[in-house]
N, C-alpha and C. Protein backbone atom coordinates (compact mmCIF):
# COMPACT_ATOMS: atom_id res chain seq x y z
N MET A 1 9.98 11.43 -14.60
CA MET A 1 10.58 10.65 -13.55
C MET A 1 10.46 9.15 -13.91
N SER A 2 11.49 8.42 -13.58
CA SER A 2 11.52 7.03 -14.00
C SER A 2 11.49 6.10 -12.79
N GLU A 3 11.35 4.83 -13.11
CA GLU A 3 11.39 3.80 -12.08
C GLU A 3 12.78 3.79 -11.41
N GLU A 4 13.77 4.16 -12.17
CA GLU A 4 15.13 4.23 -11.63
C GLU A 4 15.24 5.28 -10.53
N ASP A 5 14.53 6.43 -10.71
CA ASP A 5 14.51 7.45 -9.66
C ASP A 5 13.93 6.89 -8.37
N THR A 6 12.86 6.14 -8.48
CA THR A 6 12.23 5.54 -7.32
C THR A 6 13.18 4.56 -6.63
N ARG A 7 13.83 3.73 -7.44
CA ARG A 7 14.80 2.79 -6.87
C ARG A 7 15.96 3.49 -6.17
N ARG A 8 16.41 4.61 -6.74
CA ARG A 8 17.51 5.37 -6.15
C ARG A 8 17.10 5.88 -4.78
N VAL A 9 15.90 6.43 -4.68
CA VAL A 9 15.44 6.96 -3.39
C VAL A 9 15.29 5.84 -2.37
N LEU A 10 14.69 4.74 -2.80
CA LEU A 10 14.53 3.60 -1.87
C LEU A 10 15.89 3.07 -1.41
N GLY A 11 16.84 3.04 -2.35
CA GLY A 11 18.21 2.62 -2.01
C GLY A 11 18.85 3.56 -0.98
N LEU A 12 18.62 4.87 -1.14
CA LEU A 12 19.15 5.82 -0.16
C LEU A 12 18.54 5.61 1.20
N LEU A 13 17.24 5.34 1.24
CA LEU A 13 16.57 5.15 2.52
C LEU A 13 16.95 3.82 3.18
N TYR A 14 17.46 2.87 2.38
CA TYR A 14 17.88 1.60 2.90
C TYR A 14 19.25 1.72 3.59
N GLN A 15 20.08 2.67 3.17
CA GLN A 15 21.39 2.84 3.75
C GLN A 15 21.28 3.55 5.09
N GLU A 16 21.85 2.95 6.11
CA GLU A 16 21.69 3.49 7.46
C GLU A 16 22.23 4.91 7.60
N ASP A 17 23.36 5.22 7.01
CA ASP A 17 23.92 6.55 7.21
C ASP A 17 23.06 7.63 6.55
N THR A 18 22.58 7.37 5.31
CA THR A 18 21.75 8.38 4.67
C THR A 18 20.40 8.51 5.36
N LEU A 19 19.88 7.41 5.85
CA LEU A 19 18.60 7.46 6.58
C LEU A 19 18.76 8.26 7.87
N ARG A 20 19.86 8.04 8.57
CA ARG A 20 20.10 8.78 9.81
C ARG A 20 20.25 10.28 9.56
N VAL A 21 20.97 10.65 8.50
CA VAL A 21 21.17 12.06 8.19
C VAL A 21 19.86 12.68 7.75
N LEU A 22 19.09 12.00 6.93
CA LEU A 22 17.79 12.54 6.51
C LEU A 22 16.86 12.68 7.71
N SER A 23 16.87 11.72 8.59
CA SER A 23 16.03 11.79 9.79
C SER A 23 16.43 12.99 10.64
N ALA A 24 17.74 13.20 10.80
CA ALA A 24 18.19 14.35 11.57
C ALA A 24 17.76 15.65 10.92
N LEU A 25 17.84 15.72 9.58
CA LEU A 25 17.39 16.92 8.88
C LEU A 25 15.91 17.17 9.11
N VAL A 26 15.12 16.14 9.05
CA VAL A 26 13.67 16.30 9.23
C VAL A 26 13.34 16.65 10.68
N LEU A 27 13.98 15.98 11.61
CA LEU A 27 13.61 16.18 13.03
C LEU A 27 14.21 17.44 13.66
N THR A 28 15.48 17.71 13.34
CA THR A 28 16.13 18.85 14.02
C THR A 28 16.63 19.91 13.08
N GLY A 29 16.71 19.57 11.78
CA GLY A 29 17.27 20.52 10.82
C GLY A 29 18.79 20.58 10.86
N ARG A 30 19.41 19.67 11.61
CA ARG A 30 20.87 19.68 11.76
C ARG A 30 21.40 18.29 11.43
N PRO A 31 22.07 18.12 10.27
CA PRO A 31 22.59 16.81 9.87
C PRO A 31 23.61 16.24 10.86
N GLU A 32 24.30 17.13 11.55
CA GLU A 32 25.29 16.63 12.52
C GLU A 32 24.65 15.88 13.69
N ASP A 33 23.35 16.06 13.88
CA ASP A 33 22.63 15.32 14.95
C ASP A 33 22.45 13.84 14.60
N ALA A 34 22.89 13.43 13.42
CA ALA A 34 22.75 12.02 13.02
C ALA A 34 23.72 11.12 13.79
N GLY A 35 24.73 11.73 14.43
CA GLY A 35 25.68 10.95 15.22
C GLY A 35 26.77 10.31 14.41
N LEU A 36 26.99 10.79 13.21
CA LEU A 36 28.06 10.27 12.36
C LEU A 36 29.25 11.22 12.37
N ASP A 37 30.41 10.73 11.97
CA ASP A 37 31.54 11.61 11.89
C ASP A 37 31.31 12.61 10.72
N PRO A 38 31.96 13.74 10.72
CA PRO A 38 31.68 14.78 9.73
C PRO A 38 31.86 14.33 8.28
N GLU A 39 32.84 13.48 8.02
CA GLU A 39 33.06 13.00 6.66
C GLU A 39 31.92 12.09 6.18
N ALA A 40 31.46 11.20 7.05
CA ALA A 40 30.34 10.31 6.70
C ALA A 40 29.06 11.15 6.51
N THR A 41 28.88 12.16 7.34
CA THR A 41 27.72 13.04 7.19
C THR A 41 27.76 13.77 5.85
N ARG A 42 28.95 14.28 5.46
CA ARG A 42 29.09 14.96 4.18
C ARG A 42 28.76 14.05 3.01
N ARG A 43 29.29 12.79 3.05
CA ARG A 43 29.03 11.84 1.98
C ARG A 43 27.54 11.54 1.89
N ALA A 44 26.91 11.37 3.05
CA ALA A 44 25.47 11.06 3.06
C ALA A 44 24.67 12.25 2.51
N LEU A 45 25.07 13.45 2.86
CA LEU A 45 24.38 14.65 2.33
C LEU A 45 24.53 14.76 0.81
N ASP A 46 25.73 14.44 0.32
CA ASP A 46 25.94 14.42 -1.15
C ASP A 46 25.02 13.43 -1.83
N ARG A 47 24.91 12.25 -1.27
CA ARG A 47 24.00 11.23 -1.85
C ARG A 47 22.56 11.68 -1.79
N LEU A 48 22.17 12.27 -0.65
CA LEU A 48 20.78 12.75 -0.50
C LEU A 48 20.49 13.86 -1.51
N GLU A 49 21.48 14.70 -1.77
CA GLU A 49 21.29 15.77 -2.76
C GLU A 49 21.14 15.18 -4.16
N ARG A 50 21.98 14.21 -4.50
CA ARG A 50 21.88 13.57 -5.83
C ARG A 50 20.53 12.87 -6.01
N GLY A 51 20.02 12.32 -4.92
CA GLY A 51 18.71 11.62 -4.97
C GLY A 51 17.52 12.56 -4.89
N GLY A 52 17.80 13.85 -4.68
CA GLY A 52 16.73 14.82 -4.62
C GLY A 52 16.01 14.88 -3.29
N LEU A 53 16.60 14.32 -2.25
CA LEU A 53 15.97 14.29 -0.94
C LEU A 53 16.42 15.43 0.00
N ALA A 54 17.48 16.14 -0.37
CA ALA A 54 17.97 17.23 0.44
C ALA A 54 18.58 18.30 -0.46
N THR A 55 18.47 19.55 -0.05
CA THR A 55 19.09 20.64 -0.82
C THR A 55 19.87 21.54 0.12
N PRO A 56 21.04 21.97 -0.38
CA PRO A 56 21.83 22.90 0.43
C PRO A 56 21.36 24.32 0.17
N GLU A 57 21.36 25.13 1.22
CA GLU A 57 21.07 26.55 1.10
C GLU A 57 22.09 27.27 1.96
N GLY A 58 23.13 27.72 1.32
CA GLY A 58 24.22 28.33 2.06
C GLY A 58 24.94 27.25 2.83
N SER A 59 25.06 27.45 4.15
CA SER A 59 25.74 26.45 4.97
C SER A 59 24.77 25.48 5.62
N THR A 60 23.47 25.61 5.34
CA THR A 60 22.49 24.73 5.93
C THR A 60 21.89 23.80 4.88
N TRP A 61 21.29 22.73 5.35
CA TRP A 61 20.66 21.75 4.49
C TRP A 61 19.19 21.65 4.87
N HIS A 62 18.34 21.35 3.84
CA HIS A 62 16.93 21.19 4.09
C HIS A 62 16.41 19.94 3.40
N PRO A 63 15.56 19.18 4.07
CA PRO A 63 14.98 17.99 3.43
C PRO A 63 13.97 18.42 2.36
N ARG A 64 13.87 17.66 1.31
CA ARG A 64 12.88 17.92 0.26
C ARG A 64 11.75 16.91 0.38
N ARG A 65 10.77 17.22 1.24
CA ARG A 65 9.65 16.31 1.46
C ARG A 65 8.81 16.13 0.19
N ASP A 66 8.78 17.17 -0.65
CA ASP A 66 7.96 17.10 -1.86
C ASP A 66 8.50 16.05 -2.83
N ARG A 67 9.72 15.60 -2.62
CA ARG A 67 10.31 14.55 -3.50
C ARG A 67 9.47 13.29 -3.43
N PHE A 68 8.96 12.97 -2.25
CA PHE A 68 8.14 11.77 -2.10
C PHE A 68 6.83 11.91 -2.89
N ARG A 69 6.25 13.08 -2.87
CA ARG A 69 5.03 13.30 -3.64
C ARG A 69 5.31 13.18 -5.14
N GLU A 70 6.46 13.73 -5.56
CA GLU A 70 6.81 13.61 -6.97
C GLU A 70 6.95 12.13 -7.40
N LEU A 71 7.60 11.34 -6.58
CA LEU A 71 7.75 9.93 -6.92
C LEU A 71 6.42 9.21 -6.87
N LEU A 72 5.58 9.55 -5.92
CA LEU A 72 4.27 8.93 -5.84
C LEU A 72 3.43 9.22 -7.06
N HIS A 73 3.42 10.44 -7.51
CA HIS A 73 2.67 10.80 -8.71
C HIS A 73 3.27 10.19 -9.97
N ALA A 74 4.57 10.07 -9.99
CA ALA A 74 5.24 9.51 -11.17
C ALA A 74 4.95 8.03 -11.32
N THR A 75 4.72 7.33 -10.22
CA THR A 75 4.46 5.87 -10.29
C THR A 75 3.00 5.53 -10.28
N LYS A 76 2.13 6.53 -10.18
CA LYS A 76 0.70 6.28 -10.16
C LYS A 76 0.24 5.78 -11.53
N PRO A 77 -0.42 4.60 -11.56
CA PRO A 77 -0.86 4.10 -12.84
C PRO A 77 -1.98 4.97 -13.41
N ASP A 78 -2.00 5.00 -14.74
CA ASP A 78 -3.07 5.76 -15.40
C ASP A 78 -4.40 5.07 -15.13
N PRO A 79 -5.42 5.84 -14.72
CA PRO A 79 -6.71 5.23 -14.46
C PRO A 79 -7.30 4.72 -15.78
N THR A 80 -7.76 3.48 -15.74
CA THR A 80 -8.41 2.92 -16.93
C THR A 80 -9.89 3.05 -16.76
N PRO A 81 -10.57 3.43 -17.82
CA PRO A 81 -12.01 3.58 -17.69
C PRO A 81 -12.68 2.22 -17.44
N ALA A 82 -13.68 2.22 -16.58
CA ALA A 82 -14.40 1.00 -16.28
C ALA A 82 -15.21 0.59 -17.52
N THR A 83 -15.14 -0.68 -17.84
CA THR A 83 -15.83 -1.14 -19.02
C THR A 83 -17.16 -1.77 -18.72
N SER A 84 -17.33 -2.31 -17.54
CA SER A 84 -18.59 -2.96 -17.20
C SER A 84 -19.17 -2.32 -15.94
N PRO A 85 -20.45 -2.54 -15.70
CA PRO A 85 -21.03 -2.02 -14.44
C PRO A 85 -20.31 -2.55 -13.19
N GLU A 86 -19.89 -3.81 -13.25
CA GLU A 86 -19.17 -4.39 -12.12
C GLU A 86 -17.84 -3.68 -11.88
N ASP A 87 -17.13 -3.37 -12.99
CA ASP A 87 -15.85 -2.65 -12.87
C ASP A 87 -16.07 -1.27 -12.27
N ARG A 88 -17.16 -0.61 -12.64
CA ARG A 88 -17.44 0.73 -12.10
C ARG A 88 -17.71 0.65 -10.59
N VAL A 89 -18.43 -0.39 -10.16
CA VAL A 89 -18.68 -0.55 -8.72
C VAL A 89 -17.36 -0.79 -7.98
N ILE A 90 -16.51 -1.62 -8.56
CA ILE A 90 -15.22 -1.93 -7.92
C ILE A 90 -14.37 -0.67 -7.85
N GLN A 91 -14.33 0.12 -8.93
CA GLN A 91 -13.54 1.36 -8.91
C GLN A 91 -14.09 2.38 -7.95
N THR A 92 -15.40 2.35 -7.75
CA THR A 92 -16.03 3.30 -6.83
C THR A 92 -15.72 2.97 -5.37
N PHE A 93 -15.77 1.72 -5.04
CA PHE A 93 -15.63 1.32 -3.63
C PHE A 93 -14.22 0.95 -3.22
N LEU A 94 -13.38 0.55 -4.15
CA LEU A 94 -12.01 0.20 -3.81
C LEU A 94 -11.08 1.35 -4.19
N VAL A 95 -10.38 1.87 -3.20
CA VAL A 95 -9.43 2.94 -3.43
C VAL A 95 -8.08 2.41 -2.98
N GLU A 96 -7.15 2.32 -3.94
CA GLU A 96 -5.82 1.76 -3.67
C GLU A 96 -5.90 0.40 -2.99
N GLY A 97 -6.86 -0.42 -3.45
CA GLY A 97 -7.00 -1.78 -2.99
C GLY A 97 -7.77 -1.94 -1.67
N ARG A 98 -8.20 -0.83 -1.08
CA ARG A 98 -8.98 -0.92 0.18
C ARG A 98 -10.39 -0.42 -0.04
N LEU A 99 -11.30 -1.03 0.67
CA LEU A 99 -12.69 -0.63 0.61
C LEU A 99 -12.90 0.69 1.35
N ARG A 100 -13.47 1.66 0.66
CA ARG A 100 -13.83 2.93 1.33
C ARG A 100 -14.93 2.64 2.35
N ALA A 101 -15.87 1.81 1.95
CA ALA A 101 -16.99 1.42 2.81
C ALA A 101 -17.57 0.14 2.25
N ILE A 102 -18.19 -0.65 3.09
CA ILE A 102 -18.90 -1.84 2.61
C ILE A 102 -20.23 -1.34 2.04
N PRO A 103 -20.51 -1.66 0.79
CA PRO A 103 -21.76 -1.15 0.17
C PRO A 103 -22.99 -1.61 0.93
N THR A 104 -23.93 -0.72 1.08
CA THR A 104 -25.18 -1.07 1.77
C THR A 104 -26.19 -1.73 0.81
N ARG A 105 -26.13 -1.32 -0.46
CA ARG A 105 -27.01 -1.95 -1.43
C ARG A 105 -26.49 -3.32 -1.77
N ARG A 106 -27.37 -4.32 -1.67
CA ARG A 106 -26.96 -5.72 -1.84
C ARG A 106 -26.33 -5.98 -3.21
N ASP A 107 -26.88 -5.41 -4.28
CA ASP A 107 -26.30 -5.69 -5.61
C ASP A 107 -24.86 -5.21 -5.72
N LYS A 108 -24.59 -4.06 -5.16
CA LYS A 108 -23.20 -3.55 -5.17
C LYS A 108 -22.32 -4.34 -4.22
N ARG A 109 -22.88 -4.73 -3.07
CA ARG A 109 -22.10 -5.49 -2.11
C ARG A 109 -21.72 -6.85 -2.70
N LEU A 110 -22.63 -7.45 -3.46
CA LEU A 110 -22.33 -8.75 -4.10
C LEU A 110 -21.18 -8.63 -5.10
N VAL A 111 -21.13 -7.52 -5.82
CA VAL A 111 -20.01 -7.30 -6.77
C VAL A 111 -18.70 -7.25 -5.99
N ILE A 112 -18.68 -6.49 -4.91
CA ILE A 112 -17.48 -6.35 -4.10
C ILE A 112 -17.10 -7.68 -3.45
N LEU A 113 -18.10 -8.38 -2.92
CA LEU A 113 -17.82 -9.67 -2.28
C LEU A 113 -17.28 -10.68 -3.28
N ASP A 114 -17.83 -10.71 -4.49
CA ASP A 114 -17.34 -11.61 -5.53
C ASP A 114 -15.89 -11.28 -5.85
N HIS A 115 -15.58 -10.01 -5.94
CA HIS A 115 -14.21 -9.57 -6.20
C HIS A 115 -13.28 -10.07 -5.09
N ILE A 116 -13.70 -9.91 -3.84
CA ILE A 116 -12.89 -10.33 -2.69
C ILE A 116 -12.77 -11.85 -2.64
N ALA A 117 -13.85 -12.55 -2.97
CA ALA A 117 -13.83 -14.02 -2.90
C ALA A 117 -12.79 -14.63 -3.84
N ARG A 118 -12.40 -13.90 -4.88
CA ARG A 118 -11.40 -14.41 -5.81
C ARG A 118 -10.02 -14.58 -5.16
N LEU A 119 -9.86 -13.99 -3.97
CA LEU A 119 -8.60 -14.20 -3.23
C LEU A 119 -8.43 -15.66 -2.83
N PHE A 120 -9.55 -16.33 -2.60
CA PHE A 120 -9.53 -17.68 -2.08
C PHE A 120 -9.67 -18.68 -3.21
N ASP A 121 -8.71 -19.60 -3.25
CA ASP A 121 -8.71 -20.59 -4.33
C ASP A 121 -9.75 -21.68 -4.06
N PRO A 122 -10.49 -22.06 -5.06
CA PRO A 122 -11.46 -23.16 -4.88
C PRO A 122 -10.72 -24.43 -4.50
N GLY A 123 -11.30 -25.16 -3.55
CA GLY A 123 -10.72 -26.43 -3.12
C GLY A 123 -9.67 -26.32 -2.03
N VAL A 124 -9.32 -25.11 -1.63
CA VAL A 124 -8.32 -24.91 -0.58
C VAL A 124 -9.02 -24.56 0.73
N ARG A 125 -8.59 -25.16 1.80
CA ARG A 125 -9.13 -24.89 3.14
C ARG A 125 -8.30 -23.81 3.82
N TYR A 126 -8.97 -22.85 4.45
CA TYR A 126 -8.28 -21.76 5.10
C TYR A 126 -8.71 -21.68 6.56
N SER A 127 -7.75 -21.43 7.45
CA SER A 127 -8.08 -21.22 8.84
C SER A 127 -8.76 -19.84 8.99
N GLU A 128 -9.48 -19.66 10.07
CA GLU A 128 -10.14 -18.37 10.29
C GLU A 128 -9.12 -17.24 10.36
N LYS A 129 -7.97 -17.52 10.94
CA LYS A 129 -6.92 -16.52 11.02
C LYS A 129 -6.44 -16.10 9.64
N ASP A 130 -6.24 -17.05 8.74
CA ASP A 130 -5.82 -16.74 7.38
C ASP A 130 -6.87 -15.93 6.63
N VAL A 131 -8.13 -16.27 6.83
CA VAL A 131 -9.23 -15.52 6.20
C VAL A 131 -9.24 -14.09 6.75
N ASN A 132 -9.08 -13.94 8.05
CA ASN A 132 -9.08 -12.61 8.67
C ASN A 132 -7.92 -11.75 8.12
N VAL A 133 -6.74 -12.34 7.98
CA VAL A 133 -5.59 -11.60 7.47
C VAL A 133 -5.88 -11.10 6.04
N ALA A 134 -6.43 -11.98 5.22
CA ALA A 134 -6.72 -11.62 3.83
C ALA A 134 -7.77 -10.54 3.78
N LEU A 135 -8.81 -10.63 4.60
CA LEU A 135 -9.89 -9.65 4.56
C LEU A 135 -9.49 -8.32 5.18
N ARG A 136 -8.60 -8.36 6.16
CA ARG A 136 -8.14 -7.12 6.79
C ARG A 136 -7.43 -6.22 5.80
N ALA A 137 -6.87 -6.80 4.77
CA ALA A 137 -6.21 -6.01 3.72
C ALA A 137 -7.22 -5.13 2.99
N PHE A 138 -8.47 -5.56 2.98
CA PHE A 138 -9.52 -4.78 2.29
C PHE A 138 -10.23 -3.79 3.20
N HIS A 139 -10.47 -4.17 4.45
CA HIS A 139 -11.28 -3.32 5.34
C HIS A 139 -10.99 -3.70 6.78
N ASP A 140 -11.07 -2.70 7.67
CA ASP A 140 -10.81 -2.96 9.09
C ASP A 140 -11.87 -3.87 9.71
N ASP A 141 -13.09 -3.81 9.19
CA ASP A 141 -14.17 -4.66 9.73
C ASP A 141 -14.18 -5.98 8.96
N TYR A 142 -13.10 -6.76 9.13
CA TYR A 142 -12.94 -8.02 8.43
C TYR A 142 -13.98 -9.03 8.87
N ALA A 143 -14.48 -8.93 10.11
CA ALA A 143 -15.47 -9.88 10.58
C ALA A 143 -16.78 -9.68 9.80
N ALA A 144 -17.15 -8.44 9.51
CA ALA A 144 -18.35 -8.21 8.72
C ALA A 144 -18.18 -8.75 7.31
N LEU A 145 -17.02 -8.53 6.71
CA LEU A 145 -16.76 -9.08 5.37
C LEU A 145 -16.86 -10.60 5.38
N ARG A 146 -16.26 -11.22 6.37
CA ARG A 146 -16.28 -12.69 6.48
C ARG A 146 -17.71 -13.17 6.61
N ARG A 147 -18.51 -12.48 7.45
CA ARG A 147 -19.91 -12.86 7.64
C ARG A 147 -20.72 -12.71 6.34
N TYR A 148 -20.50 -11.59 5.63
CA TYR A 148 -21.19 -11.38 4.34
C TYR A 148 -20.81 -12.50 3.33
N LEU A 149 -19.51 -12.82 3.28
CA LEU A 149 -19.08 -13.86 2.36
C LEU A 149 -19.74 -15.20 2.64
N VAL A 150 -19.87 -15.53 3.92
CA VAL A 150 -20.53 -16.79 4.31
C VAL A 150 -22.04 -16.69 4.03
N ASP A 151 -22.66 -15.58 4.44
CA ASP A 151 -24.11 -15.44 4.26
C ASP A 151 -24.51 -15.46 2.80
N GLU A 152 -23.65 -14.94 1.91
CA GLU A 152 -23.98 -14.91 0.47
C GLU A 152 -23.53 -16.17 -0.26
N GLY A 153 -22.98 -17.15 0.47
CA GLY A 153 -22.64 -18.42 -0.14
C GLY A 153 -21.34 -18.41 -0.93
N LEU A 154 -20.50 -17.40 -0.69
CA LEU A 154 -19.22 -17.34 -1.40
C LEU A 154 -18.14 -18.12 -0.65
N LEU A 155 -18.26 -18.20 0.65
CA LEU A 155 -17.41 -19.02 1.51
C LEU A 155 -18.31 -19.91 2.37
N ASP A 156 -17.83 -21.11 2.64
CA ASP A 156 -18.49 -21.98 3.60
C ASP A 156 -17.58 -22.15 4.80
N ARG A 157 -18.21 -22.51 5.93
CA ARG A 157 -17.43 -22.62 7.16
C ARG A 157 -17.85 -23.86 7.93
N GLU A 158 -16.89 -24.54 8.51
CA GLU A 158 -17.14 -25.63 9.43
C GLU A 158 -15.96 -25.77 10.35
N ASP A 159 -16.21 -25.76 11.66
CA ASP A 159 -15.14 -25.86 12.67
C ASP A 159 -14.01 -24.88 12.46
N ASN A 160 -14.36 -23.60 12.21
CA ASN A 160 -13.40 -22.52 12.02
C ASN A 160 -12.46 -22.76 10.82
N VAL A 161 -12.91 -23.54 9.89
CA VAL A 161 -12.19 -23.75 8.63
C VAL A 161 -13.10 -23.25 7.50
N TYR A 162 -12.52 -22.47 6.58
CA TYR A 162 -13.30 -21.87 5.50
C TYR A 162 -12.79 -22.37 4.17
N TRP A 163 -13.69 -22.41 3.20
CA TRP A 163 -13.33 -22.71 1.84
C TRP A 163 -14.27 -21.98 0.91
N ARG A 164 -13.78 -21.73 -0.29
CA ARG A 164 -14.57 -21.02 -1.27
C ARG A 164 -15.63 -21.95 -1.83
N SER A 165 -16.88 -21.45 -1.84
CA SER A 165 -17.98 -22.28 -2.30
C SER A 165 -18.82 -21.61 -3.38
N GLY A 166 -18.43 -20.42 -3.82
CA GLY A 166 -19.21 -19.75 -4.84
C GLY A 166 -18.45 -18.58 -5.45
N GLY A 167 -19.16 -17.87 -6.28
CA GLY A 167 -18.56 -16.68 -6.92
C GLY A 167 -17.97 -17.02 -8.26
N SER A 168 -17.56 -15.99 -8.96
CA SER A 168 -17.00 -16.19 -10.30
C SER A 168 -15.54 -16.64 -10.17
N VAL A 169 -15.08 -17.28 -11.24
CA VAL A 169 -13.71 -17.83 -11.26
C VAL A 169 -13.01 -17.24 -12.47
N ASP A 170 -11.77 -16.75 -12.26
CA ASP A 170 -10.95 -16.29 -13.35
C ASP A 170 -10.39 -17.50 -14.11
N ILE A 171 -10.46 -17.43 -15.41
CA ILE A 171 -9.95 -18.57 -16.22
C ILE A 171 -8.69 -18.13 -16.89
């Protein structure tokens, strides 16, 4: 499977008529429930079939939900082996860019916090809202992450304004 296959499927889902027909197939099993005229429905079904999102069986059509799984597995990057202890900690706790849990052991938590602190550019001031948005991408308990970053000296705070004050820097 190629990147082109993924683009084709995303393009189909972007088109209103194909999205409506696919939705009708998933929800009711009847493409005519999409509310389109029969010719537009037929054209949308043909495109969905070419994209691998629907298959005809006799006079009925069925959505191919497994197509999404195929595309997901095809675009999954090959896991690279961790080369350093820090990389192993990051690979253990970060799954698809999100923290599975905030590490309880301080040494591991410091590795994760240092990794997260790299989001913030040295010398740039950030509002608390901006910090929260950035941290929420990692974990739902963004307030705990923010507190850990401040307590460990990776971020400083004054009057609800934050700036990076520690941690490693990528060169």
